[in-house]
Amino acid sequence: MRILRLNLKRKWWEQIRDGEKTIELRRATEFWRKRLIGREYDEIHLCLGYPKSGDESRTLRRKWRMVAKEMVIHEEFGPEPVEVFCIDVGCAA
């Protein structure tokens, strides 16, 4: 199974868990380009921090649906617009 693993801060993880947040953002760096552009995954695992192996209570599983690129202003990236990848995390696996 091809899995994209994303480690998140508690604030963002809880918003995704509660259904308030359906898009996860990653800055459009070379690191993320290699992992997202032209790639397909079976699932996305959203982890609260860096949980111990086997700690499923801190992992949300989502279906891989899509990734898009946009320019955004977001508190996590500072006051200037930045290019980000938008990863759909709204559909549970």
N, C-alpha and C. Protein backbone atom coordinates (compact mmCIF):
# COMPACT_ATOMS: atom_id res chain seq x y z
N MET A 1 0.85 -1.18 0.00
CA MET A 1 0.00 0.00 0.00
C MET A 1 0.90 1.25 0.00
N ARG A 2 0.56 2.21 -0.86
CA ARG A 2 1.32 3.46 -0.94
C ARG A 2 0.68 4.48 0.01
N ILE A 3 1.45 4.92 1.00
CA ILE A 3 0.93 5.81 2.03
C ILE A 3 1.73 7.11 2.07
N LEU A 4 1.02 8.22 2.06
CA LEU A 4 1.62 9.54 2.28
C LEU A 4 1.42 9.86 3.76
N ARG A 5 2.50 10.04 4.48
CA ARG A 5 2.43 10.30 5.92
C ARG A 5 2.70 11.79 6.14
N LEU A 6 1.78 12.44 6.85
CA LEU A 6 1.92 13.86 7.18
C LEU A 6 1.86 14.01 8.69
N ASN A 7 2.89 14.62 9.27
CA ASN A 7 2.91 14.88 10.70
C ASN A 7 2.40 16.29 10.94
N LEU A 8 1.49 16.43 11.90
CA LEU A 8 0.80 17.69 12.13
C LEU A 8 0.89 18.16 13.57
N LYS A 9 0.76 19.48 13.73
CA LYS A 9 0.61 20.05 15.06
C LYS A 9 -0.79 19.73 15.56
N ARG A 10 -0.95 19.70 16.88
CA ARG A 10 -2.23 19.33 17.49
C ARG A 10 -3.40 20.15 16.95
N LYS A 11 -3.21 21.46 16.83
CA LYS A 11 -4.28 22.35 16.38
C LYS A 11 -4.86 21.89 15.04
N TRP A 12 -3.99 21.62 14.07
CA TRP A 12 -4.44 21.22 12.73
C TRP A 12 -4.99 19.80 12.72
N TRP A 13 -4.35 18.90 13.47
CA TRP A 13 -4.81 17.52 13.54
C TRP A 13 -6.23 17.44 14.11
N GLU A 14 -6.48 18.19 15.17
CA GLU A 14 -7.81 18.18 15.79
C GLU A 14 -8.87 18.77 14.85
N GLN A 15 -8.52 19.81 14.11
CA GLN A 15 -9.47 20.40 13.16
C GLN A 15 -9.83 19.41 12.06
N ILE A 16 -8.85 18.64 11.58
CA ILE A 16 -9.13 17.63 10.57
C ILE A 16 -9.97 16.52 11.18
N ARG A 17 -9.60 16.06 12.36
CA ARG A 17 -10.38 15.02 13.05
C ARG A 17 -11.83 15.42 13.22
N ASP A 18 -12.07 16.68 13.58
CA ASP A 18 -13.42 17.18 13.85
C ASP A 18 -14.17 17.60 12.59
N GLY A 19 -13.53 17.49 11.43
CA GLY A 19 -14.19 17.82 10.17
C GLY A 19 -14.21 19.30 9.83
N GLU A 20 -13.52 20.14 10.62
CA GLU A 20 -13.48 21.58 10.39
C GLU A 20 -12.51 21.95 9.26
N LYS A 21 -11.49 21.13 9.07
CA LYS A 21 -10.45 21.40 8.08
C LYS A 21 -10.41 20.23 7.10
N THR A 22 -10.55 20.53 5.81
CA THR A 22 -10.56 19.46 4.81
C THR A 22 -9.39 19.53 3.83
N ILE A 23 -8.58 20.55 3.96
CA ILE A 23 -7.41 20.72 3.08
C ILE A 23 -6.17 20.91 3.96
N GLU A 24 -5.14 20.13 3.70
CA GLU A 24 -3.86 20.29 4.39
C GLU A 24 -2.90 20.98 3.43
N LEU A 25 -2.17 21.95 3.94
CA LEU A 25 -1.25 22.74 3.10
C LEU A 25 0.19 22.34 3.36
N ARG A 26 0.96 22.29 2.30
CA ARG A 26 2.40 22.10 2.38
C ARG A 26 3.04 23.09 1.43
N ARG A 27 4.05 23.79 1.91
CA ARG A 27 4.75 24.77 1.08
C ARG A 27 5.30 24.08 -0.16
N ALA A 28 5.21 24.72 -1.30
CA ALA A 28 5.62 24.12 -2.58
C ALA A 28 7.14 24.17 -2.73
N THR A 29 7.80 23.34 -1.93
CA THR A 29 9.27 23.23 -2.00
C THR A 29 9.64 22.03 -2.86
N GLU A 30 10.90 21.91 -3.19
CA GLU A 30 11.37 20.76 -3.97
C GLU A 30 11.08 19.45 -3.22
N PHE A 31 11.23 19.47 -1.91
CA PHE A 31 10.94 18.30 -1.08
C PHE A 31 9.52 17.79 -1.33
N TRP A 32 8.53 18.70 -1.28
CA TRP A 32 7.14 18.28 -1.46
C TRP A 32 6.80 18.03 -2.92
N ARG A 33 7.43 18.74 -3.85
CA ARG A 33 7.20 18.47 -5.27
C ARG A 33 7.51 17.00 -5.59
N LYS A 34 8.65 16.52 -5.09
CA LYS A 34 9.06 15.14 -5.35
C LYS A 34 8.06 14.14 -4.78
N ARG A 35 7.39 14.48 -3.71
CA ARG A 35 6.48 13.56 -3.05
C ARG A 35 5.04 13.66 -3.56
N LEU A 36 4.70 14.77 -4.23
CA LEU A 36 3.30 14.98 -4.60
C LEU A 36 3.04 15.03 -6.10
N ILE A 37 3.92 15.64 -6.87
CA ILE A 37 3.66 15.82 -8.30
C ILE A 37 3.89 14.50 -9.04
N GLY A 38 2.84 14.07 -9.76
CA GLY A 38 2.93 12.85 -10.54
C GLY A 38 2.90 11.58 -9.72
N ARG A 39 2.55 11.67 -8.44
CA ARG A 39 2.51 10.50 -7.56
C ARG A 39 1.08 10.17 -7.20
N GLU A 40 0.83 8.92 -6.95
CA GLU A 40 -0.47 8.46 -6.47
C GLU A 40 -0.25 7.68 -5.18
N TYR A 41 -1.17 7.83 -4.26
CA TYR A 41 -1.11 7.11 -3.00
C TYR A 41 -2.45 6.41 -2.78
N ASP A 42 -2.44 5.38 -1.95
CA ASP A 42 -3.68 4.70 -1.59
C ASP A 42 -4.34 5.41 -0.41
N GLU A 43 -3.53 5.87 0.53
CA GLU A 43 -4.04 6.54 1.73
C GLU A 43 -3.10 7.64 2.17
N ILE A 44 -3.67 8.54 2.97
CA ILE A 44 -2.89 9.56 3.66
C ILE A 44 -3.02 9.26 5.14
N HIS A 45 -1.91 9.20 5.85
CA HIS A 45 -1.94 9.03 7.29
C HIS A 45 -1.53 10.36 7.92
N LEU A 46 -2.45 10.94 8.66
CA LEU A 46 -2.22 12.23 9.32
C LEU A 46 -1.90 11.93 10.78
N CYS A 47 -0.69 12.22 11.17
CA CYS A 47 -0.23 11.85 12.51
C CYS A 47 -0.13 13.07 13.41
N LEU A 48 -0.58 12.90 14.63
CA LEU A 48 -0.44 13.94 15.66
C LEU A 48 0.99 13.87 16.16
N GLY A 49 1.80 14.82 15.73
CA GLY A 49 3.21 14.81 16.07
C GLY A 49 3.91 13.62 15.45
N TYR A 50 4.71 12.93 16.27
CA TYR A 50 5.45 11.75 15.84
C TYR A 50 5.12 10.61 16.79
N PRO A 51 3.97 9.95 16.59
CA PRO A 51 3.53 8.91 17.53
C PRO A 51 4.42 7.68 17.49
N LYS A 52 4.41 6.94 18.61
CA LYS A 52 5.14 5.68 18.67
C LYS A 52 4.52 4.71 17.68
N SER A 53 5.32 3.82 17.18
CA SER A 53 4.85 2.81 16.24
C SER A 53 3.68 2.04 16.85
N GLY A 54 2.60 1.93 16.10
CA GLY A 54 1.43 1.21 16.58
C GLY A 54 0.42 2.03 17.35
N ASP A 55 0.71 3.29 17.62
CA ASP A 55 -0.23 4.15 18.36
C ASP A 55 -1.25 4.71 17.36
N GLU A 56 -2.30 3.96 17.12
CA GLU A 56 -3.33 4.34 16.15
C GLU A 56 -4.21 5.49 16.64
N SER A 57 -4.23 5.78 17.93
CA SER A 57 -5.07 6.86 18.47
C SER A 57 -4.60 8.22 17.98
N ARG A 58 -3.36 8.31 17.52
CA ARG A 58 -2.81 9.58 17.04
C ARG A 58 -2.65 9.62 15.52
N THR A 59 -3.36 8.72 14.83
CA THR A 59 -3.27 8.66 13.37
C THR A 59 -4.67 8.68 12.76
N LEU A 60 -4.89 9.61 11.84
CA LEU A 60 -6.13 9.66 11.06
C LEU A 60 -5.82 9.12 9.68
N ARG A 61 -6.69 8.30 9.15
CA ARG A 61 -6.49 7.74 7.81
C ARG A 61 -7.50 8.37 6.86
N ARG A 62 -7.00 8.82 5.72
CA ARG A 62 -7.85 9.44 4.72
C ARG A 62 -7.54 8.83 3.36
N LYS A 63 -8.54 8.87 2.47
CA LYS A 63 -8.34 8.43 1.10
C LYS A 63 -7.51 9.47 0.36
N TRP A 64 -6.65 9.00 -0.51
CA TRP A 64 -5.92 9.91 -1.40
C TRP A 64 -6.89 10.38 -2.46
N ARG A 65 -7.06 11.68 -2.59
CA ARG A 65 -8.02 12.20 -3.57
C ARG A 65 -7.36 13.12 -4.57
N MET A 66 -6.72 14.17 -4.09
CA MET A 66 -6.13 15.10 -5.05
C MET A 66 -5.16 16.04 -4.37
N VAL A 67 -4.36 16.66 -5.21
CA VAL A 67 -3.46 17.72 -4.76
C VAL A 67 -3.53 18.83 -5.80
N ALA A 68 -3.55 20.06 -5.34
CA ALA A 68 -3.58 21.22 -6.23
C ALA A 68 -2.55 22.23 -5.72
N LYS A 69 -2.21 23.18 -6.56
CA LYS A 69 -1.25 24.21 -6.17
C LYS A 69 -1.95 25.56 -6.17
N GLU A 70 -1.70 26.36 -5.12
CA GLU A 70 -2.31 27.68 -5.00
C GLU A 70 -1.35 28.64 -4.31
N MET A 71 -1.65 29.92 -4.43
CA MET A 71 -0.96 30.96 -3.65
C MET A 71 -1.87 31.32 -2.49
N VAL A 72 -1.33 31.33 -1.27
CA VAL A 72 -2.14 31.63 -0.09
C VAL A 72 -1.37 32.51 0.88
N ILE A 73 -2.13 33.19 1.72
CA ILE A 73 -1.57 33.85 2.91
C ILE A 73 -2.12 33.06 4.08
N HIS A 74 -1.23 32.54 4.92
CA HIS A 74 -1.66 31.67 6.01
C HIS A 74 -0.78 31.93 7.22
N GLU A 75 -1.37 31.87 8.40
CA GLU A 75 -0.64 32.16 9.64
C GLU A 75 0.59 31.28 9.82
N GLU A 76 0.57 30.09 9.29
CA GLU A 76 1.68 29.15 9.45
C GLU A 76 2.88 29.53 8.59
N PHE A 77 2.66 30.31 7.52
CA PHE A 77 3.72 30.64 6.57
C PHE A 77 4.14 32.11 6.59
N GLY A 78 3.54 32.92 7.45
CA GLY A 78 3.91 34.32 7.53
C GLY A 78 2.95 35.23 6.77
N PRO A 79 3.24 36.54 6.76
CA PRO A 79 2.30 37.51 6.19
C PRO A 79 2.31 37.64 4.66
N GLU A 80 3.32 37.10 4.01
CA GLU A 80 3.42 37.21 2.55
C GLU A 80 2.77 36.01 1.86
N PRO A 81 2.23 36.20 0.64
CA PRO A 81 1.67 35.06 -0.10
C PRO A 81 2.76 34.04 -0.42
N VAL A 82 2.43 32.77 -0.30
CA VAL A 82 3.37 31.70 -0.64
C VAL A 82 2.64 30.66 -1.50
N GLU A 83 3.40 29.96 -2.32
CA GLU A 83 2.85 28.89 -3.14
C GLU A 83 2.81 27.62 -2.29
N VAL A 84 1.65 26.96 -2.27
CA VAL A 84 1.48 25.75 -1.47
C VAL A 84 0.81 24.65 -2.28
N PHE A 85 0.99 23.44 -1.82
CA PHE A 85 0.21 22.31 -2.30
C PHE A 85 -0.96 22.15 -1.36
N CYS A 86 -2.15 21.98 -1.93
CA CYS A 86 -3.37 21.77 -1.16
C CYS A 86 -3.74 20.29 -1.30
N ILE A 87 -3.71 19.58 -0.18
CA ILE A 87 -3.98 18.15 -0.17
C ILE A 87 -5.36 17.91 0.43
N ASP A 88 -6.23 17.27 -0.29
CA ASP A 88 -7.59 16.99 0.17
C ASP A 88 -7.54 15.91 1.24
N VAL A 89 -7.97 16.25 2.46
CA VAL A 89 -7.98 15.30 3.58
C VAL A 89 -9.37 15.16 4.18
N GLY A 90 -10.39 15.47 3.40
CA GLY A 90 -11.75 15.49 3.93
C GLY A 90 -12.48 14.16 3.89
N CYS A 91 -11.95 13.15 3.22
CA CYS A 91 -12.67 11.90 3.03
C CYS A 91 -11.98 10.78 3.80
N ALA A 92 -12.64 10.27 4.85
CA ALA A 92 -12.04 9.19 5.66
C ALA A 92 -11.84 7.93 4.84
N ALA A 93 -10.80 7.21 5.19
CA ALA A 93 -10.47 5.95 4.47
C ALA A 93 -11.37 4.83 4.95
